[in-house]
């Protein structure tokens, strides 16, 4: 195999072998690695699109590996762990993981997530970039400058043309808020959109996704993000936004 698209980083030999065999049987190019060191060796010689990453690895743990991958590579990150606590899930979201699975992993769900990530990563590379201009309003819409949300490229572009790349969770959140036409989305709606489950008031993962997206936007545009909290309700994207 000369150019694997998927690397499964898992120190448990049988599980790593099972995931690699299953993904390979689905038609993907997949290889395994036992540690972050082995992953780094693969990255120096191969084009990798998605990393399926165990949290509990010897030496450098999965959270640290994911953080540096997100900083330096345009790779889809799927985290897998035996730990299902809210804290672990929040940490995974904070570092920008695209998906988070708790063991035992349902292989068909893993396959579906990998397909989704590969499709979007491929589209990012083949679709022309959004022009860095203020979007024109559709007939009958306000002339106020609009943000652009591109579901294919997983990107949000400011009225000034600043492009912000989004993770899977951030894309789901932005899509929901964009569909609300500047009306707040409830925490229940957001929980269903992000996790397909009812909202648990003790789970702060929604706030983590919102906070990370807000911080990312503000860091790139240099001004407050139009992502506002609505007390007792949820969140709203307070500026005009258009979905491409």
C-alpha atoms as a PDB file:
ATOM      1  CA  UNK A   1       0.000   0.000   0.000  1.00  0.00           C
ATOM      2  CA  UNK A   2       1.637   3.271  -1.096  1.00  0.00           C
ATOM      3  CA  UNK A   3      -0.792   6.014  -0.145  1.00  0.00           C
ATOM      4  CA  UNK A   4      -3.085   5.181   2.754  1.00  0.00           C
ATOM      5  CA  UNK A   5      -5.987   7.538   3.319  1.00  0.00           C
ATOM      6  CA  UNK A   6      -6.752   6.284   6.840  1.00  0.00           C
ATOM      7  CA  UNK A   7      -4.461   5.490   9.763  1.00  0.00           C
ATOM      8  CA  UNK A   8      -5.857   3.654  12.793  1.00  0.00           C
ATOM      9  CA  UNK A   9      -3.735   4.542  15.835  1.00  0.00           C
ATOM     10  CA  UNK A  10      -4.505   1.919  18.482  1.00  0.00           C
ATOM     11  CA  UNK A  11      -2.110   0.081  20.800  1.00  0.00           C
ATOM     12  CA  UNK A  12      -4.416  -2.924  21.277  1.00  0.00           C
ATOM     13  CA  UNK A  13      -3.287  -5.232  18.480  1.00  0.00           C
ATOM     14  CA  UNK A  14      -6.545  -7.129  17.963  1.00  0.00           C
ATOM     15  CA  UNK A  15      -8.740  -4.019  17.883  1.00  0.00           C
ATOM     16  CA  UNK A  16      -6.347  -2.182  15.564  1.00  0.00           C
ATOM     17  CA  UNK A  17      -6.281  -5.161  13.231  1.00  0.00           C
ATOM     18  CA  UNK A  18     -10.074  -5.456  13.285  1.00  0.00           C
ATOM     19  CA  UNK A  19     -10.585  -1.781  12.409  1.00  0.00           C
ATOM     20  CA  UNK A  20      -7.969  -1.806   9.661  1.00  0.00           C
ATOM     21  CA  UNK A  21      -9.393  -5.010   8.171  1.00  0.00           C
ATOM     22  CA  UNK A  22     -12.956  -3.704   8.322  1.00  0.00           C
ATOM     23  CA  UNK A  23     -12.126  -0.338   6.742  1.00  0.00           C
ATOM     24  CA  UNK A  24     -10.006  -2.038   4.091  1.00  0.00           C
ATOM     25  CA  UNK A  25     -12.920  -4.378   3.367  1.00  0.00           C
ATOM     26  CA  UNK A  26     -15.105  -1.320   2.840  1.00  0.00           C
ATOM     27  CA  UNK A  27     -12.829  -0.214   0.021  1.00  0.00           C
ATOM     28  CA  UNK A  28     -10.729   2.305   1.954  1.00  0.00           C
ATOM     29  CA  UNK A  29      -6.930   2.360   2.019  1.00  0.00           C
ATOM     30  CA  UNK A  30      -6.143   1.823   5.708  1.00  0.00           C
ATOM     31  CA  UNK A  31      -3.063   1.044   7.789  1.00  0.00           C
ATOM     32  CA  UNK A  32      -2.432   0.740  11.499  1.00  0.00           C
ATOM     33  CA  UNK A  33      -0.046   2.402  13.959  1.00  0.00           C
ATOM     34  CA  UNK A  34       0.624   1.535  17.589  1.00  0.00           C
ATOM     35  CA  UNK A  35       1.665   5.004  18.759  1.00  0.00           C
ATOM     36  CA  UNK A  36       2.084   8.650  17.883  1.00  0.00           C
ATOM     37  CA  UNK A  37       5.652   7.914  16.844  1.00  0.00           C
ATOM     38  CA  UNK A  38       4.531   5.333  14.278  1.00  0.00           C
ATOM     39  CA  UNK A  39       1.846   7.744  13.053  1.00  0.00           C
ATOM     40  CA  UNK A  40       4.470  10.450  12.542  1.00  0.00           C
ATOM     41  CA  UNK A  41       6.553   8.058  10.471  1.00  0.00           C
ATOM     42  CA  UNK A  42       3.567   7.339   8.227  1.00  0.00           C
ATOM     43  CA  UNK A  43       2.780  11.047   7.863  1.00  0.00           C
ATOM     44  CA  UNK A  44       6.278  11.763   6.552  1.00  0.00           C
ATOM     45  CA  UNK A  45       5.871   9.397   3.625  1.00  0.00           C
ATOM     46  CA  UNK A  46       2.144   9.118   2.913  1.00  0.00           C
ATOM     47  CA  UNK A  47      -0.856  11.327   2.225  1.00  0.00           C
ATOM     48  CA  UNK A  48      -3.266  10.720   5.106  1.00  0.00           C
ATOM     49  CA  UNK A  49      -6.811  12.062   5.064  1.00  0.00           C
ATOM     50  CA  UNK A  50      -8.320  10.613   8.274  1.00  0.00           C
ATOM     51  CA  UNK A  51      -6.808   9.416  11.543  1.00  0.00           C
ATOM     52  CA  UNK A  52      -8.808   7.138  13.829  1.00  0.00           C
ATOM     53  CA  UNK A  53      -7.124   7.883  17.123  1.00  0.00           C
ATOM     54  CA  UNK A  54      -7.290   6.055  20.438  1.00  0.00           C
ATOM     55  CA  UNK A  55      -7.091   8.318  23.489  1.00  0.00           C
ATOM     56  CA  UNK A  56      -5.256   5.903  25.801  1.00  0.00           C
ATOM     57  CA  UNK A  57      -1.944   5.399  24.023  1.00  0.00           C
ATOM     58  CA  UNK A  58       1.482   4.697  25.529  1.00  0.00           C
ATOM     59  CA  UNK A  59       3.715   7.746  25.665  1.00  0.00           C
ATOM     60  CA  UNK A  60       1.970  10.651  23.938  1.00  0.00           C
ATOM     61  CA  UNK A  61      -1.777  10.302  24.482  1.00  0.00           C
ATOM     62  CA  UNK A  62      -4.439  10.744  21.843  1.00  0.00           C
ATOM     63  CA  UNK A  63      -5.488  14.219  23.014  1.00  0.00           C
ATOM     64  CA  UNK A  64      -1.955  15.582  22.551  1.00  0.00           C
ATOM     65  CA  UNK A  65      -1.591  13.905  19.169  1.00  0.00           C
ATOM     66  CA  UNK A  66      -4.946  15.296  18.005  1.00  0.00           C
ATOM     67  CA  UNK A  67      -4.027  18.803  19.121  1.00  0.00           C
ATOM     68  CA  UNK A  68      -0.837  18.902  17.063  1.00  0.00           C
ATOM     69  CA  UNK A  69      -2.524  17.246  14.080  1.00  0.00           C
ATOM     70  CA  UNK A  70      -5.183  19.929  14.119  1.00  0.00           C
ATOM     71  CA  UNK A  71      -2.543  22.662  14.310  1.00  0.00           C
ATOM     72  CA  UNK A  72      -0.364  21.415  11.463  1.00  0.00           C
ATOM     73  CA  UNK A  73      -2.358  19.082   9.197  1.00  0.00           C
ATOM     74  CA  UNK A  74      -5.670  19.260   7.351  1.00  0.00           C
ATOM     75  CA  UNK A  75      -6.607  15.781   8.573  1.00  0.00           C
ATOM     76  CA  UNK A  76      -9.988  14.496   9.709  1.00  0.00           C
ATOM     77  CA  UNK A  77      -9.755  13.266  13.313  1.00  0.00           C
ATOM     78  CA  UNK A  78     -11.959  10.549  14.805  1.00  0.00           C
ATOM     79  CA  UNK A  79     -11.221   9.870  18.472  1.00  0.00           C
ATOM     80  CA  UNK A  80     -11.929   6.498  20.099  1.00  0.00           C
ATOM     81  CA  UNK A  81     -11.753   5.806  23.818  1.00  0.00           C
ATOM     82  CA  UNK A  82     -12.905   3.429  26.507  1.00  0.00           C
ATOM     83  CA  UNK A  83     -13.694   6.444  28.650  1.00  0.00           C
ATOM     84  CA  UNK A  84     -17.148   7.886  28.099  1.00  0.00           C
ATOM     85  CA  UNK A  85     -17.127  10.747  30.590  1.00  0.00           C
ATOM     86  CA  UNK A  86     -18.340  14.218  29.688  1.00  0.00           C
ATOM     87  CA  UNK A  87     -14.911  15.644  30.533  1.00  0.00           C
ATOM     88  CA  UNK A  88     -13.198  13.450  27.937  1.00  0.00           C
ATOM     89  CA  UNK A  89     -15.783  14.309  25.314  1.00  0.00           C
ATOM     90  CA  UNK A  90     -15.381  18.034  26.017  1.00  0.00           C
ATOM     91  CA  UNK A  91     -11.583  17.793  25.770  1.00  0.00           C
ATOM     92  CA  UNK A  92     -11.925  15.990  22.452  1.00  0.00           C
ATOM     93  CA  UNK A  93     -14.181  18.726  21.112  1.00  0.00           C
ATOM     94  CA  UNK A  94     -11.931  21.492  22.417  1.00  0.00           C
ATOM     95  CA  UNK A  95      -8.953  20.217  20.458  1.00  0.00           C
ATOM     96  CA  UNK A  96     -11.042  20.033  17.292  1.00  0.00           C
ATOM     97  CA  UNK A  97     -11.841  16.343  16.855  1.00  0.00           C
ATOM     98  CA  UNK A  98     -14.413  15.778  14.108  1.00  0.00           C
ATOM     99  CA  UNK A  99     -16.056  12.840  15.890  1.00  0.00           C
ATOM    100  CA  UNK A 100     -15.775  11.014  19.207  1.00  0.00           C
ATOM    101  CA  UNK A 101     -16.622   7.334  19.716  1.00  0.00           C
ATOM    102  CA  UNK A 102     -16.750   5.332  22.941  1.00  0.00           C
ATOM    103  CA  UNK A 103     -15.656   1.678  22.842  1.00  0.00           C
ATOM    104  CA  UNK A 104     -16.944  -0.752  21.812  1.00  0.00           C
ATOM    105  CA  UNK A 105     -17.146   0.969  18.443  1.00  0.00           C
ATOM    106  CA  UNK A 106     -19.898  -0.021  16.043  1.00  0.00           C
ATOM    107  CA  UNK A 107     -17.958  -0.629  12.847  1.00  0.00           C
ATOM    108  CA  UNK A 108     -20.774   0.490  10.580  1.00  0.00           C
ATOM    109  CA  UNK A 109     -20.942   3.825  12.378  1.00  0.00           C
ATOM    110  CA  UNK A 110     -17.186   4.198  12.039  1.00  0.00           C
ATOM    111  CA  UNK A 111     -17.459   3.451   8.326  1.00  0.00           C
ATOM    112  CA  UNK A 112     -20.191   6.065   7.918  1.00  0.00           C
ATOM    113  CA  UNK A 113     -18.150   8.706   9.730  1.00  0.00           C
ATOM    114  CA  UNK A 114     -15.027   7.966   7.706  1.00  0.00           C
ATOM    115  CA  UNK A 115     -17.032   8.196   4.469  1.00  0.00           C
ATOM    116  CA  UNK A 116     -18.456  11.537   5.551  1.00  0.00           C
ATOM    117  CA  UNK A 117     -15.043  12.971   6.416  1.00  0.00           C
ATOM    118  CA  UNK A 118     -13.357  11.686   3.248  1.00  0.00           C
ATOM    119  CA  UNK A 119     -16.170  13.074   1.094  1.00  0.00           C
ATOM    120  CA  UNK A 120     -15.890  16.525   2.644  1.00  0.00           C
ATOM    121  CA  UNK A 121     -12.099  16.546   2.555  1.00  0.00           C
ATOM    122  CA  UNK A 122     -12.195  15.579  -1.112  1.00  0.00           C
ATOM    123  CA  UNK A 123     -14.717  18.308  -1.886  1.00  0.00           C
ATOM    124  CA  UNK A 124     -12.522  20.885  -0.175  1.00  0.00           C
ATOM    125  CA  UNK A 125      -9.711  20.036  -2.566  1.00  0.00           C
ATOM    126  CA  UNK A 126     -11.743  20.084  -5.786  1.00  0.00           C
ATOM    127  CA  UNK A 127     -14.303  22.836  -5.271  1.00  0.00           C
ATOM    128  CA  UNK A 128     -13.230  26.410  -6.134  1.00  0.00           C
ATOM    129  CA  UNK A 129     -12.758  28.639  -3.114  1.00  0.00           C
ATOM    130  CA  UNK A 130     -15.456  31.127  -2.193  1.00  0.00           C
ATOM    131  CA  UNK A 131     -14.637  34.524  -3.633  1.00  0.00           C
ATOM    132  CA  UNK A 132     -13.369  36.914  -0.995  1.00  0.00           C
ATOM    133  CA  UNK A 133     -16.074  39.486  -1.609  1.00  0.00           C
ATOM    134  CA  UNK A 134     -19.211  40.621   0.114  1.00  0.00           C
ATOM    135  CA  UNK A 135     -22.041  38.299  -0.868  1.00  0.00           C
ATOM    136  CA  UNK A 136     -24.850  39.764  -2.859  1.00  0.00           C
ATOM    137  CA  UNK A 137     -28.234  39.467  -1.247  1.00  0.00           C
ATOM    138  CA  UNK A 138     -30.827  37.319  -2.963  1.00  0.00           C
ATOM    139  CA  UNK A 139     -33.812  39.132  -4.459  1.00  0.00           C
ATOM    140  CA  UNK A 140     -35.961  40.571  -1.720  1.00  0.00           C
ATOM    141  CA  UNK A 141     -33.279  40.159   0.948  1.00  0.00           C
ATOM    142  CA  UNK A 142     -31.534  42.898   2.892  1.00  0.00           C
ATOM    143  CA  UNK A 143     -28.468  44.603   1.379  1.00  0.00           C
ATOM    144  CA  UNK A 144     -26.678  44.197   4.707  1.00  0.00           C
ATOM    145  CA  UNK A 145     -23.337  42.358   4.247  1.00  0.00           C
ATOM    146  CA  UNK A 146     -23.777  38.648   4.753  1.00  0.00           C
ATOM    147  CA  UNK A 147     -21.701  35.772   6.031  1.00  0.00           C
ATOM    148  CA  UNK A 148     -21.378  32.720   3.779  1.00  0.00           C
ATOM    149  CA  UNK A 149     -21.650  29.139   5.015  1.00  0.00           C
ATOM    150  CA  UNK A 150     -20.351  26.476   2.635  1.00  0.00           C
ATOM    151  CA  UNK A 151     -21.458  22.943   3.666  1.00  0.00           C
ATOM    152  CA  UNK A 152     -19.253  21.361   0.996  1.00  0.00           C
ATOM    153  CA  UNK A 153     -16.001  23.010   2.036  1.00  0.00           C
ATOM    154  CA  UNK A 154     -16.948  23.110   5.744  1.00  0.00           C
ATOM    155  CA  UNK A 155     -16.191  26.826   5.845  1.00  0.00           C
ATOM    156  CA  UNK A 156     -17.626  30.098   7.073  1.00  0.00           C
ATOM    157  CA  UNK A 157     -16.642  33.292   5.250  1.00  0.00           C
ATOM    158  CA  UNK A 158     -17.050  36.750   6.773  1.00  0.00           C
ATOM    159  CA  UNK A 159     -18.493  39.681   4.795  1.00  0.00           C
ATOM    160  CA  UNK A 160     -14.906  40.953   4.470  1.00  0.00           C
ATOM    161  CA  UNK A 161     -13.831  37.688   2.834  1.00  0.00           C
ATOM    162  CA  UNK A 162     -12.053  36.002   5.753  1.00  0.00           C
ATOM    163  CA  UNK A 163     -12.458  32.230   5.404  1.00  0.00           C
ATOM    164  CA  UNK A 164     -12.828  30.119   8.563  1.00  0.00           C
ATOM    165  CA  UNK A 165     -12.417  26.352   8.294  1.00  0.00           C
ATOM    166  CA  UNK A 166     -14.836  24.349  10.431  1.00  0.00           C
ATOM    167  CA  UNK A 167     -14.715  20.972  12.136  1.00  0.00           C
ATOM    168  CA  UNK A 168     -17.604  18.530  11.798  1.00  0.00           C
ATOM    169  CA  UNK A 169     -19.222  19.682  15.053  1.00  0.00           C
ATOM    170  CA  UNK A 170     -18.751  23.362  14.196  1.00  0.00           C
ATOM    171  CA  UNK A 171     -20.305  22.776  10.777  1.00  0.00           C
ATOM    172  CA  UNK A 172     -23.350  21.110  12.330  1.00  0.00           C
ATOM    173  CA  UNK A 173     -23.738  24.009  14.764  1.00  0.00           C
ATOM    174  CA  UNK A 174     -23.319  26.676  12.100  1.00  0.00           C
ATOM    175  CA  UNK A 175     -25.797  24.922   9.795  1.00  0.00           C
ATOM    176  CA  UNK A 176     -28.443  24.828  12.518  1.00  0.00           C
ATOM    177  CA  UNK A 177     -27.963  28.479  13.474  1.00  0.00           C
ATOM    178  CA  UNK A 178     -27.976  29.560   9.821  1.00  0.00           C
ATOM    179  CA  UNK A 179     -31.294  27.783   9.287  1.00  0.00           C
ATOM    180  CA  UNK A 180     -32.872  29.729  12.157  1.00  0.00           C
ATOM    181  CA  UNK A 181     -32.923  33.048  10.266  1.00  0.00           C
ATOM    182  CA  UNK A 182     -31.373  35.003  13.166  1.00  0.00           C
ATOM    183  CA  UNK A 183     -33.709  33.390  15.678  1.00  0.00           C
ATOM    184  CA  UNK A 184     -32.125  31.561  18.647  1.00  0.00           C
ATOM    185  CA  UNK A 185     -31.735  27.801  18.549  1.00  0.00           C
ATOM    186  CA  UNK A 186     -32.573  26.092  21.825  1.00  0.00           C
ATOM    187  CA  UNK A 187     -30.077  23.883  23.639  1.00  0.00           C
ATOM    188  CA  UNK A 188     -32.384  20.956  22.929  1.00  0.00           C
ATOM    189  CA  UNK A 189     -32.215  21.686  19.177  1.00  0.00           C
ATOM    190  CA  UNK A 190     -28.440  22.038  19.322  1.00  0.00           C
ATOM    191  CA  UNK A 191     -28.008  18.790  21.269  1.00  0.00           C
ATOM    192  CA  UNK A 192     -30.108  16.924  18.714  1.00  0.00           C
ATOM    193  CA  UNK A 193     -28.164  18.463  15.818  1.00  0.00           C
ATOM    194  CA  UNK A 194     -24.721  17.759  17.292  1.00  0.00           C
ATOM    195  CA  UNK A 195     -25.218  14.483  19.127  1.00  0.00           C
ATOM    196  CA  UNK A 196     -28.651  13.162  18.124  1.00  0.00           C
ATOM    197  CA  UNK A 197     -29.731  13.031  21.765  1.00  0.00           C
ATOM    198  CA  UNK A 198     -31.753  15.038  24.273  1.00  0.00           C
ATOM    199  CA  UNK A 199     -30.036  17.903  26.063  1.00  0.00           C
ATOM    200  CA  UNK A 200     -28.624  17.152  29.507  1.00  0.00           C
ATOM    201  CA  UNK A 201     -28.266  20.358  31.612  1.00  0.00           C
ATOM    202  CA  UNK A 202     -25.169  18.884  33.284  1.00  0.00           C
ATOM    203  CA  UNK A 203     -23.399  18.335  29.949  1.00  0.00           C
ATOM    204  CA  UNK A 204     -21.322  21.392  28.991  1.00  0.00           C
ATOM    205  CA  UNK A 205     -20.161  20.050  25.631  1.00  0.00           C
ATOM    206  CA  UNK A 206     -22.506  22.401  23.721  1.00  0.00           C
ATOM    207  CA  UNK A 207     -20.886  25.411  25.366  1.00  0.00           C
ATOM    208  CA  UNK A 208     -17.478  23.998  24.495  1.00  0.00           C
ATOM    209  CA  UNK A 209     -18.321  23.725  20.781  1.00  0.00           C
ATOM    210  CA  UNK A 210     -19.830  27.232  20.765  1.00  0.00           C
ATOM    211  CA  UNK A 211     -16.904  28.697  22.696  1.00  0.00           C
ATOM    212  CA  UNK A 212     -14.330  27.112  20.422  1.00  0.00           C
ATOM    213  CA  UNK A 213     -16.093  28.350  17.275  1.00  0.00           C
ATOM    214  CA  UNK A 214     -16.489  31.847  18.725  1.00  0.00           C
ATOM    215  CA  UNK A 215     -12.805  31.949  19.690  1.00  0.00           C
ATOM    216  CA  UNK A 216     -11.781  30.738  16.221  1.00  0.00           C
ATOM    217  CA  UNK A 217     -13.900  33.377  14.463  1.00  0.00           C
ATOM    218  CA  UNK A 218     -12.714  36.223  16.659  1.00  0.00           C
ATOM    219  CA  UNK A 219      -9.087  35.197  16.293  1.00  0.00           C
ATOM    220  CA  UNK A 220      -9.353  35.377  12.494  1.00  0.00           C
ATOM    221  CA  UNK A 221     -11.569  38.440  11.990  1.00  0.00           C
ATOM    222  CA  UNK A 222     -10.203  40.481  14.907  1.00  0.00           C
ATOM    223  CA  UNK A 223     -13.613  41.521  16.195  1.00  0.00           C
ATOM    224  CA  UNK A 224     -16.516  40.009  18.181  1.00  0.00           C
ATOM    225  CA  UNK A 225     -18.161  37.010  16.548  1.00  0.00           C
ATOM    226  CA  UNK A 226     -21.884  37.226  15.745  1.00  0.00           C
ATOM    227  CA  UNK A 227     -22.417  34.084  17.833  1.00  0.00           C
ATOM    228  CA  UNK A 228     -24.420  35.152  20.857  1.00  0.00           C
ATOM    229  CA  UNK A 229     -25.828  33.459  23.928  1.00  0.00           C
ATOM    230  CA  UNK A 230     -29.546  33.924  24.577  1.00  0.00           C
ATOM    231  CA  UNK A 231     -30.189  33.532  28.296  1.00  0.00           C
ATOM    232  CA  UNK A 232     -32.517  30.671  29.121  1.00  0.00           C
ATOM    233  CA  UNK A 233     -32.808  29.625  25.469  1.00  0.00           C
ATOM    234  CA  UNK A 234     -29.596  28.785  23.641  1.00  0.00           C
ATOM    235  CA  UNK A 235     -27.539  30.501  20.946  1.00  0.00           C
ATOM    236  CA  UNK A 236     -28.111  32.648  17.882  1.00  0.00           C
ATOM    237  CA  UNK A 237     -26.030  33.743  14.891  1.00  0.00           C
ATOM    238  CA  UNK A 238     -26.918  37.421  15.052  1.00  0.00           C
ATOM    239  CA  UNK A 239     -25.680  38.526  11.631  1.00  0.00           C
ATOM    240  CA  UNK A 240     -27.192  37.817   8.195  1.00  0.00           C
ATOM    241  CA  UNK A 241     -25.853  34.514   6.879  1.00  0.00           C
ATOM    242  CA  UNK A 242     -26.361  32.711   3.586  1.00  0.00           C
ATOM    243  CA  UNK A 243     -25.903  28.984   2.980  1.00  0.00           C
ATOM    244  CA  UNK A 244     -24.296  28.209  -0.379  1.00  0.00           C
END
